[in-house]
Amino acid sequence: MSDAKTGKSETEHIEKSETEWRKELSPQQYRVLREKGTEAPFTGQYWNEHAEGVYRCAACGNPLFDASTKFESGSGWPSFYEPIASERVDTEQDRSHFMVRTEVHCARCGGHLGHIFDDGPQPTGLRYCINSASLDLDKDAK
């Protein structure tokens, strides 16, 4: 299946130069997705969003999270208890800021999404704490 935004397969890896990414992303999206930045809590577009749909990677359109898995974590960032499919996201250890965390990034384009924690609700017990700047909500997708 190909993605309407890119024409690429949902699992096909996308590689672009940083110049290309800068042209395609807003400064905030570039800072978060390409430089592993974060937005301040309670400021992102989707932290308090309750609409149905699919959250896609803002850089490449990869469908990442179904809105039905979003929950109120109190953290100030959109939080989900699982991705649409495990192969849509990758994780790696993040030792920045004097902490050890697990970073979550888009498996298709490598964009930084946020972090995953083990304090979420059932059925997974996980909390994918994701920056709004790294997401686009597709309200027409089911």
Protein backbone atom coordinates (compact mmCIF):
# COMPACT_ATOMS: atom_id res chain seq x y z
CA MET A 1 0.00 0.00 0.00
CA SER A 2 1.38 3.43 -0.86
CA ASP A 3 0.99 6.65 1.08
CA ALA A 4 -0.91 9.55 -0.50
CA LYS A 5 1.55 12.13 0.89
CA THR A 6 4.73 10.57 -0.51
CA GLY A 7 3.68 7.84 -2.93
CA LYS A 8 6.04 5.53 -1.00
CA SER A 9 5.21 2.19 0.56
CA GLU A 10 4.40 2.46 4.27
CA THR A 11 7.49 0.37 5.02
CA GLU A 12 9.88 1.77 2.39
CA HIS A 13 12.70 3.71 4.04
CA ILE A 14 12.99 7.37 3.05
CA GLU A 15 16.33 9.13 2.95
CA LYS A 16 16.72 12.84 2.27
CA SER A 17 19.44 15.38 2.83
CA GLU A 18 19.12 17.78 5.73
CA THR A 19 18.68 20.55 3.15
CA GLU A 20 15.66 18.73 1.72
CA TRP A 21 14.19 18.19 5.19
CA ARG A 22 14.66 21.90 6.04
CA LYS A 23 12.74 22.87 2.90
CA GLU A 24 9.84 20.50 3.65
CA LEU A 25 9.42 20.95 7.41
CA SER A 26 8.55 23.99 9.50
CA PRO A 27 11.38 25.21 11.77
CA GLN A 28 9.65 23.61 14.79
CA GLN A 29 9.11 20.31 12.97
CA TYR A 30 12.74 20.29 11.83
CA ARG A 31 13.99 20.96 15.37
CA VAL A 32 11.92 18.09 16.79
CA LEU A 33 12.06 15.53 13.97
CA ARG A 34 15.63 16.02 12.75
CA GLU A 35 17.45 17.51 15.77
CA LYS A 36 15.68 15.47 18.49
CA GLY A 37 14.18 18.55 20.11
CA THR A 38 11.00 18.72 22.15
CA GLU A 39 8.15 21.15 22.48
CA ALA A 40 7.15 22.61 25.84
CA PRO A 41 4.43 20.60 27.62
CA PHE A 42 0.82 21.70 27.10
CA THR A 43 1.77 23.78 24.02
CA GLY A 44 1.60 21.35 21.10
CA GLN A 45 -1.32 21.18 18.71
CA TYR A 46 -2.42 17.66 19.73
CA TRP A 47 -1.87 17.37 23.48
CA ASN A 48 -5.57 18.04 24.14
CA GLU A 49 -6.99 16.70 20.84
CA HIS A 50 -9.86 14.20 21.07
CA ALA A 51 -10.84 13.68 17.41
CA GLU A 52 -10.87 10.27 15.76
CA GLY A 53 -8.39 9.44 13.03
CA VAL A 54 -4.83 8.37 12.45
CA TYR A 55 -1.72 10.25 13.58
CA ARG A 56 0.90 10.20 10.83
CA CYS A 57 4.55 11.19 10.85
CA ALA A 58 4.67 14.89 9.92
CA ALA A 59 7.81 14.29 7.87
CA CYS A 60 6.84 11.31 5.73
CA GLY A 61 3.16 10.47 6.28
CA ASN A 62 3.82 7.06 7.88
CA PRO A 63 0.66 6.06 9.84
CA LEU A 64 1.91 5.76 13.42
CA PHE A 65 -0.89 5.87 16.01
CA ASP A 66 -4.65 5.38 15.91
CA ALA A 67 -6.52 8.04 17.90
CA SER A 68 -8.34 5.24 19.76
CA THR A 69 -5.05 4.44 21.57
CA LYS A 70 -4.54 8.05 22.74
CA PHE A 71 -5.07 8.74 26.43
CA GLU A 72 -4.79 11.58 28.93
CA SER A 73 -1.43 11.09 30.63
CA GLY A 74 -1.23 14.50 32.31
CA SER A 75 2.24 14.94 30.80
CA GLY A 76 1.29 17.74 28.38
CA TRP A 77 2.22 15.74 25.28
CA PRO A 78 0.04 13.45 23.16
CA SER A 79 0.28 9.98 24.69
CA PHE A 80 -0.60 6.63 23.13
CA TYR A 81 -0.46 3.12 24.57
CA GLU A 82 0.60 1.46 21.29
CA PRO A 83 1.48 2.20 17.67
CA ILE A 84 -0.69 1.03 14.78
CA ALA A 85 1.93 -1.66 14.10
CA SER A 86 5.25 -2.27 15.85
CA GLU A 87 7.16 -2.00 12.56
CA ARG A 88 5.99 1.63 12.11
CA VAL A 89 8.26 2.87 14.92
CA ASP A 90 11.80 2.12 16.03
CA THR A 91 13.36 2.66 19.43
CA GLU A 92 16.84 3.24 20.78
CA GLN A 93 18.42 4.13 24.08
CA ASP A 94 18.70 7.87 24.75
CA ARG A 95 21.27 8.94 27.36
CA SER A 96 20.86 12.71 26.89
CA HIS A 97 20.05 15.19 29.66
CA PHE A 98 21.59 12.98 32.38
CA MET A 99 18.81 10.39 31.97
CA VAL A 100 18.39 6.98 30.40
CA ARG A 101 15.23 6.82 28.30
CA THR A 102 13.98 5.02 25.23
CA GLU A 103 13.64 7.25 22.18
CA VAL A 104 10.90 6.56 19.64
CA HIS A 105 11.40 7.46 16.00
CA CYS A 106 9.61 6.88 12.72
CA ALA A 107 10.76 3.63 11.14
CA ARG A 108 10.29 5.04 7.64
CA CYS A 109 12.18 8.36 7.81
CA GLY A 110 14.04 8.17 11.14
CA GLY A 111 12.35 11.31 12.48
CA HIS A 112 12.42 11.77 16.26
CA LEU A 113 8.91 11.38 17.70
CA GLY A 114 9.42 11.36 21.46
CA HIS A 115 10.01 8.72 24.14
CA ILE A 116 8.36 5.58 25.48
CA PHE A 117 7.78 4.88 29.18
CA ASP A 118 6.38 1.92 31.10
CA ASP A 119 3.77 3.87 33.08
CA GLY A 120 0.88 3.73 30.60
CA PRO A 121 -2.54 2.09 30.82
CA GLN A 122 -3.49 -1.45 29.93
CA PRO A 123 -3.54 -3.36 27.70
CA THR A 124 0.17 -2.55 27.10
CA GLY A 125 1.25 -0.60 30.18
CA LEU A 126 3.22 1.68 27.82
CA ARG A 127 3.12 5.43 27.25
CA TYR A 128 4.39 6.68 23.92
CA CYS A 129 4.96 10.34 24.79
CA ILE A 130 5.04 12.03 21.38
CA ASN A 131 5.67 15.61 20.26
CA SER A 132 2.77 17.22 18.40
CA ALA A 133 5.28 18.78 15.99
CA SER A 134 6.18 15.30 14.76
CA LEU A 135 2.56 14.37 13.99
CA ASP A 136 -0.21 15.15 11.52
CA LEU A 137 -3.74 14.03 12.44
CA ASP A 138 -5.59 12.53 9.49
CA LYS A 139 -9.23 12.80 10.61
CA ASP A 140 -10.44 11.05 7.46
CA ALA A 141 -8.40 7.89 8.06
CA LYS A 142 -9.86 4.98 9.98
